[in-house]
Amino acid sequence: MILITSLKKQRFKNDQPTSELYSIQSWINPEKIVSIVPTKTSIHDFVNNVEYVATGSKITMSNNSRLTSDQSPREVINLINSCYKHDVWHTKSIGDTTTK
């Protein structure tokens, strides 16, 4: 499982935008990821004095759900790879054990 933090969103109260921005964190199974593409978001709300521009990733899961990440596609891939890295791999060969 990897922890993804979304790009920021603007909070609403009584169907009106506020000056507060927030992110959502989600634990996701990297084996369920179908695609990771770069994305950009921006919020320009002059009434509430909110100016937010950010780049990150849009992640599509196997159930067709989508979420954003505040990390670049490369950073997300490195995070996924870190789940599978091991210092020493042991493979069993006939009559022997080999360390790679």
PDB file of N, CA and C in Angstrom:
ATOM      1  N   MET A   1       0.846  -1.178   0.000  1.00  0.00           N
ATOM      2  CA  MET A   1       0.000   0.000   0.000  1.00  0.00           C
ATOM      3  C   MET A   1       0.896   1.249   0.000  1.00  0.00           C
ATOM      4  N   ILE A   2       0.437   2.252  -0.716  1.00  0.00           N
ATOM      5  CA  ILE A   2       1.162   3.524  -0.737  1.00  0.00           C
ATOM      6  C   ILE A   2       0.199   4.642  -0.345  1.00  0.00           C
ATOM      7  N   LEU A   3       0.747   5.669   0.279  1.00  0.00           N
ATOM      8  CA  LEU A   3      -0.057   6.805   0.726  1.00  0.00           C
ATOM      9  C   LEU A   3       0.061   7.922  -0.307  1.00  0.00           C
ATOM     10  N   ILE A   4      -1.084   8.352  -0.821  1.00  0.00           N
ATOM     11  CA  ILE A   4      -1.152   9.414  -1.825  1.00  0.00           C
ATOM     12  C   ILE A   4      -1.850  10.624  -1.205  1.00  0.00           C
ATOM     13  N   THR A   5      -1.252  11.797  -1.382  1.00  0.00           N
ATOM     14  CA  THR A   5      -1.866  13.049  -0.949  1.00  0.00           C
ATOM     15  C   THR A   5      -2.346  13.791  -2.193  1.00  0.00           C
ATOM     16  N   SER A   6      -3.612  14.168  -2.193  1.00  0.00           N
ATOM     17  CA  SER A   6      -4.209  14.802  -3.371  1.00  0.00           C
ATOM     18  C   SER A   6      -3.714  16.230  -3.553  1.00  0.00           C
ATOM     19  N   LEU A   7      -3.925  16.739  -4.758  1.00  0.00           N
ATOM     20  CA  LEU A   7      -3.771  18.174  -4.971  1.00  0.00           C
ATOM     21  C   LEU A   7      -4.838  18.880  -4.148  1.00  0.00           C
ATOM     22  N   LYS A   8      -4.600  20.120  -3.812  1.00  0.00           N
ATOM     23  CA  LYS A   8      -5.539  20.836  -2.940  1.00  0.00           C
ATOM     24  C   LYS A   8      -6.858  21.148  -3.656  1.00  0.00           C
ATOM     25  N   LYS A   9      -7.909  21.190  -2.843  1.00  0.00           N
ATOM     26  CA  LYS A   9      -9.245  21.564  -3.313  1.00  0.00           C
ATOM     27  C   LYS A   9      -9.751  22.700  -2.431  1.00  0.00           C
ATOM     28  N   GLN A  10     -10.728  23.429  -2.939  1.00  0.00           N
ATOM     29  CA  GLN A  10     -11.289  24.535  -2.179  1.00  0.00           C
ATOM     30  C   GLN A  10     -12.493  24.049  -1.383  1.00  0.00           C
ATOM     31  N   ARG A  11     -12.514  24.394  -0.112  1.00  0.00           N
ATOM     32  CA  ARG A  11     -13.625  23.989   0.751  1.00  0.00           C
ATOM     33  C   ARG A  11     -14.834  24.900   0.502  1.00  0.00           C
ATOM     34  N   PHE A  12     -16.022  24.300   0.567  1.00  0.00           N
ATOM     35  CA  PHE A  12     -17.273  25.037   0.402  1.00  0.00           C
ATOM     36  C   PHE A  12     -18.075  24.976   1.692  1.00  0.00           C
ATOM     37  N   LYS A  13     -18.815  26.044   1.966  1.00  0.00           N
ATOM     38  CA  LYS A  13     -19.714  26.094   3.119  1.00  0.00           C
ATOM     39  C   LYS A  13     -21.004  26.747   2.641  1.00  0.00           C
ATOM     40  N   ASN A  14     -22.120  26.088   2.863  1.00  0.00           N
ATOM     41  CA  ASN A  14     -23.426  26.570   2.392  1.00  0.00           C
ATOM     42  C   ASN A  14     -23.401  26.845   0.889  1.00  0.00           C
ATOM     43  N   ASP A  15     -22.802  25.945   0.145  1.00  0.00           N
ATOM     44  CA  ASP A  15     -22.691  26.034  -1.312  1.00  0.00           C
ATOM     45  C   ASP A  15     -21.901  27.244  -1.799  1.00  0.00           C
ATOM     46  N   GLN A  16     -21.111  27.846  -0.921  1.00  0.00           N
ATOM     47  CA  GLN A  16     -20.280  28.986  -1.289  1.00  0.00           C
ATOM     48  C   GLN A  16     -18.812  28.638  -1.036  1.00  0.00           C
ATOM     49  N   PRO A  17     -17.923  29.009  -1.962  1.00  0.00           N
ATOM     50  CA  PRO A  17     -16.506  28.733  -1.740  1.00  0.00           C
ATOM     51  C   PRO A  17     -15.958  29.547  -0.572  1.00  0.00           C
ATOM     52  N   THR A  18     -15.048  28.951   0.171  1.00  0.00           N
ATOM     53  CA  THR A  18     -14.391  29.642   1.277  1.00  0.00           C
ATOM     54  C   THR A  18     -12.926  29.872   0.902  1.00  0.00           C
ATOM     55  N   SER A  19     -12.176  30.477   1.789  1.00  0.00           N
ATOM     56  CA  SER A  19     -10.754  30.723   1.529  1.00  0.00           C
ATOM     57  C   SER A  19      -9.890  29.537   1.937  1.00  0.00           C
ATOM     58  N   GLU A  20     -10.508  28.483   2.455  1.00  0.00           N
ATOM     59  CA  GLU A  20      -9.761  27.323   2.943  1.00  0.00           C
ATOM     60  C   GLU A  20      -9.506  26.303   1.837  1.00  0.00           C
ATOM     61  N   LEU A  21      -8.254  25.836   1.756  1.00  0.00           N
ATOM     62  CA  LEU A  21      -7.876  24.771   0.840  1.00  0.00           C
ATOM     63  C   LEU A  21      -7.549  23.528   1.659  1.00  0.00           C
ATOM     64  N   TYR A  22      -7.813  22.350   1.095  1.00  0.00           N
ATOM     65  CA  TYR A  22      -7.544  21.108   1.818  1.00  0.00           C
ATOM     66  C   TYR A  22      -7.074  20.025   0.855  1.00  0.00           C
ATOM     67  N   SER A  23      -6.442  19.011   1.400  1.00  0.00           N
ATOM     68  CA  SER A  23      -6.008  17.837   0.642  1.00  0.00           C
ATOM     69  C   SER A  23      -6.613  16.602   1.288  1.00  0.00           C
ATOM     70  N   ILE A  24      -6.658  15.536   0.514  1.00  0.00           N
ATOM     71  CA  ILE A  24      -7.145  14.248   1.006  1.00  0.00           C
ATOM     72  C   ILE A  24      -6.001  13.247   0.876  1.00  0.00           C
ATOM     73  N   GLN A  25      -5.826  12.408   1.889  1.00  0.00           N
ATOM     74  CA  GLN A  25      -4.837  11.342   1.810  1.00  0.00           C
ATOM     75  C   GLN A  25      -5.554  10.008   1.680  1.00  0.00           C
ATOM     76  N   SER A  26      -5.014   9.153   0.813  1.00  0.00           N
ATOM     77  CA  SER A  26      -5.614   7.846   0.576  1.00  0.00           C
ATOM     78  C   SER A  26      -4.531   6.780   0.507  1.00  0.00           C
ATOM     79  N   TRP A  27      -4.816   5.650   1.117  1.00  0.00           N
ATOM     80  CA  TRP A  27      -3.959   4.484   0.960  1.00  0.00           C
ATOM     81  C   TRP A  27      -4.467   3.720  -0.249  1.00  0.00           C
ATOM     82  N   ILE A  28      -3.584   3.426  -1.207  1.00  0.00           N
ATOM     83  CA  ILE A  28      -4.009   2.694  -2.388  1.00  0.00           C
ATOM     84  C   ILE A  28      -3.082   1.512  -2.635  1.00  0.00           C
ATOM     85  N   ASN A  29      -3.628   0.507  -3.280  1.00  0.00           N
ATOM     86  CA  ASN A  29      -2.870  -0.678  -3.658  1.00  0.00           C
ATOM     87  C   ASN A  29      -2.212  -0.398  -5.007  1.00  0.00           C
ATOM     88  N   PRO A  30      -0.879  -0.358  -5.077  1.00  0.00           N
ATOM     89  CA  PRO A  30      -0.216  -0.026  -6.335  1.00  0.00           C
ATOM     90  C   PRO A  30      -0.499  -1.031  -7.457  1.00  0.00           C
ATOM     91  N   GLU A  31      -0.879  -2.246  -7.091  1.00  0.00           N
ATOM     92  CA  GLU A  31      -1.173  -3.256  -8.113  1.00  0.00           C
ATOM     93  C   GLU A  31      -2.491  -2.977  -8.831  1.00  0.00           C
ATOM     94  N   LYS A  32      -3.296  -2.062  -8.304  1.00  0.00           N
ATOM     95  CA  LYS A  32      -4.585  -1.709  -8.912  1.00  0.00           C
ATOM     96  C   LYS A  32      -4.503  -0.466  -9.795  1.00  0.00           C
ATOM     97  N   ILE A  33      -3.299   0.125  -9.914  1.00  0.00           N
ATOM     98  CA  ILE A  33      -3.129   1.321 -10.734  1.00  0.00           C
ATOM     99  C   ILE A  33      -3.074   0.930 -12.207  1.00  0.00           C
ATOM    100  N   VAL A  34      -3.876   1.612 -13.023  1.00  0.00           N
ATOM    101  CA  VAL A  34      -3.907   1.362 -14.463  1.00  0.00           C
ATOM    102  C   VAL A  34      -3.039   2.376 -15.198  1.00  0.00           C
ATOM    103  N   SER A  35      -3.133   3.655 -14.805  1.00  0.00           N
ATOM    104  CA  SER A  35      -2.325   4.677 -15.479  1.00  0.00           C
ATOM    105  C   SER A  35      -1.998   5.821 -14.529  1.00  0.00           C
ATOM    106  N   ILE A  36      -0.884   6.488 -14.862  1.00  0.00           N
ATOM    107  CA  ILE A  36      -0.438   7.674 -14.125  1.00  0.00           C
ATOM    108  C   ILE A  36      -0.039   8.700 -15.178  1.00  0.00           C
ATOM    109  N   VAL A  37      -0.709   9.837 -15.188  1.00  0.00           N
ATOM    110  CA  VAL A  37      -0.407  10.880 -16.168  1.00  0.00           C
ATOM    111  C   VAL A  37      -0.213  12.220 -15.444  1.00  0.00           C
ATOM    112  N   PRO A  38       0.591  13.099 -16.022  1.00  0.00           N
ATOM    113  CA  PRO A  38       0.767  14.422 -15.399  1.00  0.00           C
ATOM    114  C   PRO A  38      -0.519  15.239 -15.462  1.00  0.00           C
ATOM    115  N   THR A  39      -0.702  16.099 -14.481  1.00  0.00           N
ATOM    116  CA  THR A  39      -1.876  16.974 -14.463  1.00  0.00           C
ATOM    117  C   THR A  39      -1.494  18.307 -13.823  1.00  0.00           C
ATOM    118  N   LYS A  40      -2.325  19.283 -14.048  1.00  0.00           N
ATOM    119  CA  LYS A  40      -2.122  20.610 -13.466  1.00  0.00           C
ATOM    120  C   LYS A  40      -3.477  21.100 -12.980  1.00  0.00           C
ATOM    121  N   THR A  41      -3.487  21.770 -11.861  1.00  0.00           N
ATOM    122  CA  THR A  41      -4.736  22.329 -11.350  1.00  0.00           C
ATOM    123  C   THR A  41      -4.499  23.772 -10.933  1.00  0.00           C
ATOM    124  N   SER A  42      -5.561  24.533 -10.968  1.00  0.00           N
ATOM    125  CA  SER A  42      -5.464  25.912 -10.498  1.00  0.00           C
ATOM    126  C   SER A  42      -6.798  26.350  -9.919  1.00  0.00           C
ATOM    127  N   ILE A  43      -6.712  27.157  -8.896  1.00  0.00           N
ATOM    128  CA  ILE A  43      -7.894  27.753  -8.270  1.00  0.00           C
ATOM    129  C   ILE A  43      -7.638  29.256  -8.224  1.00  0.00           C
ATOM    130  N   HIS A  44      -8.507  30.014  -8.868  1.00  0.00           N
ATOM    131  CA  HIS A  44      -8.411  31.475  -8.862  1.00  0.00           C
ATOM    132  C   HIS A  44      -9.738  32.018  -8.335  1.00  0.00           C
ATOM    133  N   ASP A  45      -9.752  32.389  -7.069  1.00  0.00           N
ATOM    134  CA  ASP A  45     -10.953  32.912  -6.425  1.00  0.00           C
ATOM    135  C   ASP A  45     -10.586  34.267  -5.838  1.00  0.00           C
ATOM    136  N   PHE A  46     -10.901  35.312  -6.582  1.00  0.00           N
ATOM    137  CA  PHE A  46     -10.506  36.653  -6.165  1.00  0.00           C
ATOM    138  C   PHE A  46     -11.372  37.173  -5.026  1.00  0.00           C
ATOM    139  N   VAL A  47     -12.586  36.657  -4.906  1.00  0.00           N
ATOM    140  CA  VAL A  47     -13.477  37.077  -3.822  1.00  0.00           C
ATOM    141  C   VAL A  47     -12.901  36.649  -2.473  1.00  0.00           C
ATOM    142  N   ASN A  48     -12.402  35.400  -2.412  1.00  0.00           N
ATOM    143  CA  ASN A  48     -11.856  34.864  -1.164  1.00  0.00           C
ATOM    144  C   ASN A  48     -10.337  34.958  -1.092  1.00  0.00           C
ATOM    145  N   ASN A  49      -9.738  35.669  -2.043  1.00  0.00           N
ATOM    146  CA  ASN A  49      -8.292  35.861  -2.072  1.00  0.00           C
ATOM    147  C   ASN A  49      -7.534  34.526  -2.082  1.00  0.00           C
ATOM    148  N   VAL A  50      -7.975  33.599  -2.956  1.00  0.00           N
ATOM    149  CA  VAL A  50      -7.336  32.297  -3.086  1.00  0.00           C
ATOM    150  C   VAL A  50      -6.692  32.201  -4.469  1.00  0.00           C
ATOM    151  N   GLU A  51      -5.415  31.911  -4.467  1.00  0.00           N
ATOM    152  CA  GLU A  51      -4.660  31.728  -5.701  1.00  0.00           C
ATOM    153  C   GLU A  51      -3.821  30.473  -5.513  1.00  0.00           C
ATOM    154  N   TYR A  52      -4.129  29.406  -6.241  1.00  0.00           N
ATOM    155  CA  TYR A  52      -3.425  28.134  -6.086  1.00  0.00           C
ATOM    156  C   TYR A  52      -3.187  27.522  -7.454  1.00  0.00           C
ATOM    157  N   VAL A  53      -1.938  27.216  -7.747  1.00  0.00           N
ATOM    158  CA  VAL A  53      -1.570  26.535  -8.990  1.00  0.00           C
ATOM    159  C   VAL A  53      -0.597  25.436  -8.604  1.00  0.00           C
ATOM    160  N   ALA A  54      -0.832  24.219  -9.090  1.00  0.00           N
ATOM    161  CA  ALA A  54       0.049  23.108  -8.749  1.00  0.00           C
ATOM    162  C   ALA A  54       0.051  22.073  -9.865  1.00  0.00           C
ATOM    163  N   THR A  55       1.139  21.328  -9.937  1.00  0.00           N
ATOM    164  CA  THR A  55       1.228  20.198 -10.858  1.00  0.00           C
ATOM    165  C   THR A  55       1.352  18.926 -10.037  1.00  0.00           C
ATOM    166  N   GLY A  56       0.970  17.832 -10.658  1.00  0.00           N
ATOM    167  CA  GLY A  56       1.025  16.541  -9.976  1.00  0.00           C
ATOM    168  C   GLY A  56       0.682  15.436 -10.947  1.00  0.00           C
ATOM    169  N   SER A  57      -0.036  14.445 -10.454  1.00  0.00           N
ATOM    170  CA  SER A  57      -0.400  13.284 -11.261  1.00  0.00           C
ATOM    171  C   SER A  57      -1.881  12.986 -11.131  1.00  0.00           C
ATOM    172  N   LYS A  58      -2.439  12.448 -12.198  1.00  0.00           N
ATOM    173  CA  LYS A  58      -3.790  11.899 -12.144  1.00  0.00           C
ATOM    174  C   LYS A  58      -3.627  10.382 -12.240  1.00  0.00           C
ATOM    175  N   ILE A  59      -4.144   9.670 -11.255  1.00  0.00           N
ATOM    176  CA  ILE A  59      -3.994   8.222 -11.163  1.00  0.00           C
ATOM    177  C   ILE A  59      -5.344   7.579 -11.433  1.00  0.00           C
ATOM    178  N   THR A  60      -5.367   6.638 -12.378  1.00  0.00           N
ATOM    179  CA  THR A  60      -6.589   5.877 -12.672  1.00  0.00           C
ATOM    180  C   THR A  60      -6.411   4.475 -12.126  1.00  0.00           C
ATOM    181  N   MET A  61      -7.420   4.026 -11.388  1.00  0.00           N
ATOM    182  CA  MET A  61      -7.377   2.703 -10.776  1.00  0.00           C
ATOM    183  C   MET A  61      -8.141   1.700 -11.649  1.00  0.00           C
ATOM    184  N   SER A  62      -7.980   0.404 -11.355  1.00  0.00           N
ATOM    185  CA  SER A  62      -8.599  -0.651 -12.164  1.00  0.00           C
ATOM    186  C   SER A  62     -10.127  -0.623 -12.099  1.00  0.00           C
ATOM    187  N   ASN A  63     -10.708  -0.046 -11.052  1.00  0.00           N
ATOM    188  CA  ASN A  63     -12.173   0.067 -10.970  1.00  0.00           C
ATOM    189  C   ASN A  63     -12.669   1.361 -11.617  1.00  0.00           C
ATOM    190  N   ASN A  64     -11.780   2.023 -12.369  1.00  0.00           N
ATOM    191  CA  ASN A  64     -12.056   3.252 -13.111  1.00  0.00           C
ATOM    192  C   ASN A  64     -12.188   4.496 -12.220  1.00  0.00           C
ATOM    193  N   SER A  65     -11.876   4.371 -10.925  1.00  0.00           N
ATOM    194  CA  SER A  65     -11.863   5.567 -10.082  1.00  0.00           C
ATOM    195  C   SER A  65     -10.582   6.343 -10.373  1.00  0.00           C
ATOM    196  N   ARG A  66     -10.636   7.634 -10.128  1.00  0.00           N
ATOM    197  CA  ARG A  66      -9.492   8.511 -10.391  1.00  0.00           C
ATOM    198  C   ARG A  66      -9.204   9.360  -9.164  1.00  0.00           C
ATOM    199  N   LEU A  67      -7.931   9.610  -8.940  1.00  0.00           N
ATOM    200  CA  LEU A  67      -7.541  10.515  -7.880  1.00  0.00           C
ATOM    201  C   LEU A  67      -6.311  11.283  -8.330  1.00  0.00           C
ATOM    202  N   THR A  68      -6.086  12.415  -7.691  1.00  0.00           N
ATOM    203  CA  THR A  68      -4.901  13.203  -8.020  1.00  0.00           C
ATOM    204  C   THR A  68      -3.856  13.001  -6.936  1.00  0.00           C
ATOM    205  N   SER A  69      -2.623  13.274  -7.293  1.00  0.00           N
ATOM    206  CA  SER A  69      -1.516  13.210  -6.344  1.00  0.00           C
ATOM    207  C   SER A  69      -0.710  14.500  -6.479  1.00  0.00           C
ATOM    208  N   ASP A  70      -0.167  14.951  -5.365  1.00  0.00           N
ATOM    209  CA  ASP A  70       0.684  16.138  -5.403  1.00  0.00           C
ATOM    210  C   ASP A  70       2.105  15.799  -5.839  1.00  0.00           C
ATOM    211  N   GLN A  71       2.348  14.534  -6.181  1.00  0.00           N
ATOM    212  CA  GLN A  71       3.657  14.104  -6.663  1.00  0.00           C
ATOM    213  C   GLN A  71       3.629  13.955  -8.179  1.00  0.00           C
ATOM    214  N   SER A  72       4.797  14.116  -8.791  1.00  0.00           N
ATOM    215  CA  SER A  72       4.910  13.937 -10.233  1.00  0.00           C
ATOM    216  C   SER A  72       4.741  12.454 -10.570  1.00  0.00           C
ATOM    217  N   PRO A  73       4.442  12.124 -11.831  1.00  0.00           N
ATOM    218  CA  PRO A  73       4.349  10.704 -12.204  1.00  0.00           C
ATOM    219  C   PRO A  73       5.617   9.930 -11.835  1.00  0.00           C
ATOM    220  N   ARG A  74       6.792  10.518 -12.048  1.00  0.00           N
ATOM    221  CA  ARG A  74       8.044   9.834 -11.703  1.00  0.00           C
ATOM    222  C   ARG A  74       8.131   9.557 -10.204  1.00  0.00           C
ATOM    223  N   GLU A  75       7.720  10.525  -9.385  1.00  0.00           N
ATOM    224  CA  GLU A  75       7.746  10.328  -7.927  1.00  0.00           C
ATOM    225  C   GLU A  75       6.776   9.236  -7.499  1.00  0.00           C
ATOM    226  N   VAL A  76       5.611   9.168  -8.132  1.00  0.00           N
ATOM    227  CA  VAL A  76       4.645   8.109  -7.815  1.00  0.00           C
ATOM    228  C   VAL A  76       5.225   6.750  -8.196  1.00  0.00           C
ATOM    229  N   ILE A  77       5.852   6.669  -9.357  1.00  0.00           N
ATOM    230  CA  ILE A  77       6.461   5.407  -9.796  1.00  0.00           C
ATOM    231  C   ILE A  77       7.582   4.996  -8.848  1.00  0.00           C
ATOM    232  N   ASN A  78       8.399   5.953  -8.407  1.00  0.00           N
ATOM    233  CA  ASN A  78       9.449   5.634  -7.439  1.00  0.00           C
ATOM    234  C   ASN A  78       8.861   5.143  -6.122  1.00  0.00           C
ATOM    235  N   LEU A  79       7.755   5.720  -5.707  1.00  0.00           N
ATOM    236  CA  LEU A  79       7.072   5.275  -4.492  1.00  0.00           C
ATOM    237  C   LEU A  79       6.569   3.843  -4.652  1.00  0.00           C
ATOM    238  N   ILE A  80       5.993   3.545  -5.808  1.00  0.00           N
ATOM    239  CA  ILE A  80       5.529   2.176  -6.089  1.00  0.00           C
ATOM    240  C   ILE A  80       6.718   1.219  -6.076  1.00  0.00           C
ATOM    241  N   ASN A  81       7.794   1.591  -6.758  1.00  0.00           N
ATOM    242  CA  ASN A  81       8.982   0.726  -6.814  1.00  0.00           C
ATOM    243  C   ASN A  81       9.566   0.470  -5.439  1.00  0.00           C
ATOM    244  N   SER A  82       9.457   1.440  -4.536  1.00  0.00           N
ATOM    245  CA  SER A  82      10.007   1.253  -3.192  1.00  0.00           C
ATOM    246  C   SER A  82       9.275   0.149  -2.432  1.00  0.00           C
ATOM    247  N   CYS A  83       8.052  -0.154  -2.839  1.00  0.00           N
ATOM    248  CA  CYS A  83       7.305  -1.243  -2.206  1.00  0.00           C
ATOM    249  C   CYS A  83       7.893  -2.606  -2.555  1.00  0.00           C
ATOM    250  N   TYR A  84       8.605  -2.666  -3.663  1.00  0.00           N
ATOM    251  CA  TYR A  84       9.089  -3.943  -4.173  1.00  0.00           C
ATOM    252  C   TYR A  84      10.599  -4.079  -4.100  1.00  0.00           C
ATOM    253  N   LYS A  85      11.299  -3.064  -3.606  1.00  0.00           N
ATOM    254  CA  LYS A  85      12.754  -3.143  -3.516  1.00  0.00           C
ATOM    255  C   LYS A  85      13.174  -3.962  -2.306  1.00  0.00           C
ATOM    256  N   HIS A  86      14.202  -4.747  -2.514  1.00  0.00           N
ATOM    257  CA  HIS A  86      14.794  -5.518  -1.427  1.00  0.00           C
ATOM    258  C   HIS A  86      16.303  -5.378  -1.536  1.00  0.00           C
ATOM    259  N   ASP A  87      16.980  -5.369  -0.388  1.00  0.00           N
ATOM    260  CA  ASP A  87      18.435  -5.254  -0.414  1.00  0.00           C
ATOM    261  C   ASP A  87      19.074  -6.496  -1.021  1.00  0.00           C
ATOM    262  N   VAL A  88      18.530  -7.657  -0.678  1.00  0.00           N
ATOM    263  CA  VAL A  88      19.104  -8.917  -1.154  1.00  0.00           C
ATOM    264  C   VAL A  88      17.977  -9.809  -1.642  1.00  0.00           C
ATOM    265  N   TRP A  89      18.119 -10.317  -2.837  1.00  0.00           N
ATOM    266  CA  TRP A  89      17.161 -11.269  -3.391  1.00  0.00           C
ATOM    267  C   TRP A  89      17.768 -12.663  -3.316  1.00  0.00           C
ATOM    268  N   HIS A  90      17.007 -13.608  -2.876  1.00  0.00           N
ATOM    269  CA  HIS A  90      17.459 -14.998  -2.829  1.00  0.00           C
ATOM    270  C   HIS A  90      16.635 -15.784  -3.838  1.00  0.00           C
ATOM    271  N   THR A  91      17.321 -16.428  -4.756  1.00  0.00           N
ATOM    272  CA  THR A  91      16.618 -17.292  -5.706  1.00  0.00           C
ATOM    273  C   THR A  91      17.144 -18.700  -5.535  1.00  0.00           C
ATOM    274  N   LYS A  92      16.271 -19.649  -5.594  1.00  0.00           N
ATOM    275  CA  LYS A  92      16.623 -21.044  -5.393  1.00  0.00           C
ATOM    276  C   LYS A  92      16.961 -21.669  -6.735  1.00  0.00           C
ATOM    277  N   SER A  93      18.154 -22.191  -6.837  1.00  0.00           N
ATOM    278  CA  SER A  93      18.521 -22.952  -8.034  1.00  0.00           C
ATOM    279  C   SER A  93      18.661 -24.416  -7.617  1.00  0.00           C
ATOM    280  N   ILE A  94      18.824 -25.274  -8.581  1.00  0.00           N
ATOM    281  CA  ILE A  94      18.880 -26.708  -8.286  1.00  0.00           C
ATOM    282  C   ILE A  94      20.110 -26.984  -7.419  1.00  0.00           C
ATOM    283  N   GLY A  95      19.844 -27.435  -6.193  1.00  0.00           N
ATOM    284  CA  GLY A  95      20.920 -27.830  -5.315  1.00  0.00           C
ATOM    285  C   GLY A  95      21.705 -26.680  -4.700  1.00  0.00           C
ATOM    286  N   ASP A  96      21.291 -25.428  -4.873  1.00  0.00           N
ATOM    287  CA  ASP A  96      22.077 -24.317  -4.364  1.00  0.00           C
ATOM    288  C   ASP A  96      21.173 -23.096  -4.145  1.00  0.00           C
ATOM    289  N   THR A  97      21.643 -22.159  -3.370  1.00  0.00           N
ATOM    290  CA  THR A  97      20.940 -20.872  -3.203  1.00  0.00           C
ATOM    291  C   THR A  97      21.855 -19.778  -3.738  1.00  0.00           C
ATOM    292  N   THR A  98      21.312 -18.925  -4.550  1.00  0.00           N
ATOM    293  CA  THR A  98      22.075 -17.847  -5.142  1.00  0.00           C
ATOM    294  C   THR A  98      21.577 -16.522  -4.592  1.00  0.00           C
ATOM    295  N   THR A  99      22.506 -15.676  -4.163  1.00  0.00           N
ATOM    296  CA  THR A  99      22.158 -14.328  -3.693  1.00  0.00           C
ATOM    297  C   THR A  99      22.521 -13.341  -4.778  1.00  0.00           C
ATOM    298  N   LYS A 100      21.565 -12.492  -5.141  1.00  0.00           N
ATOM    299  CA  LYS A 100      21.797 -11.479  -6.175  1.00  0.00           C
ATOM    300  C   LYS A 100      21.779 -10.100  -5.562  1.00  0.00           C
TER     301      LYS A 100
END
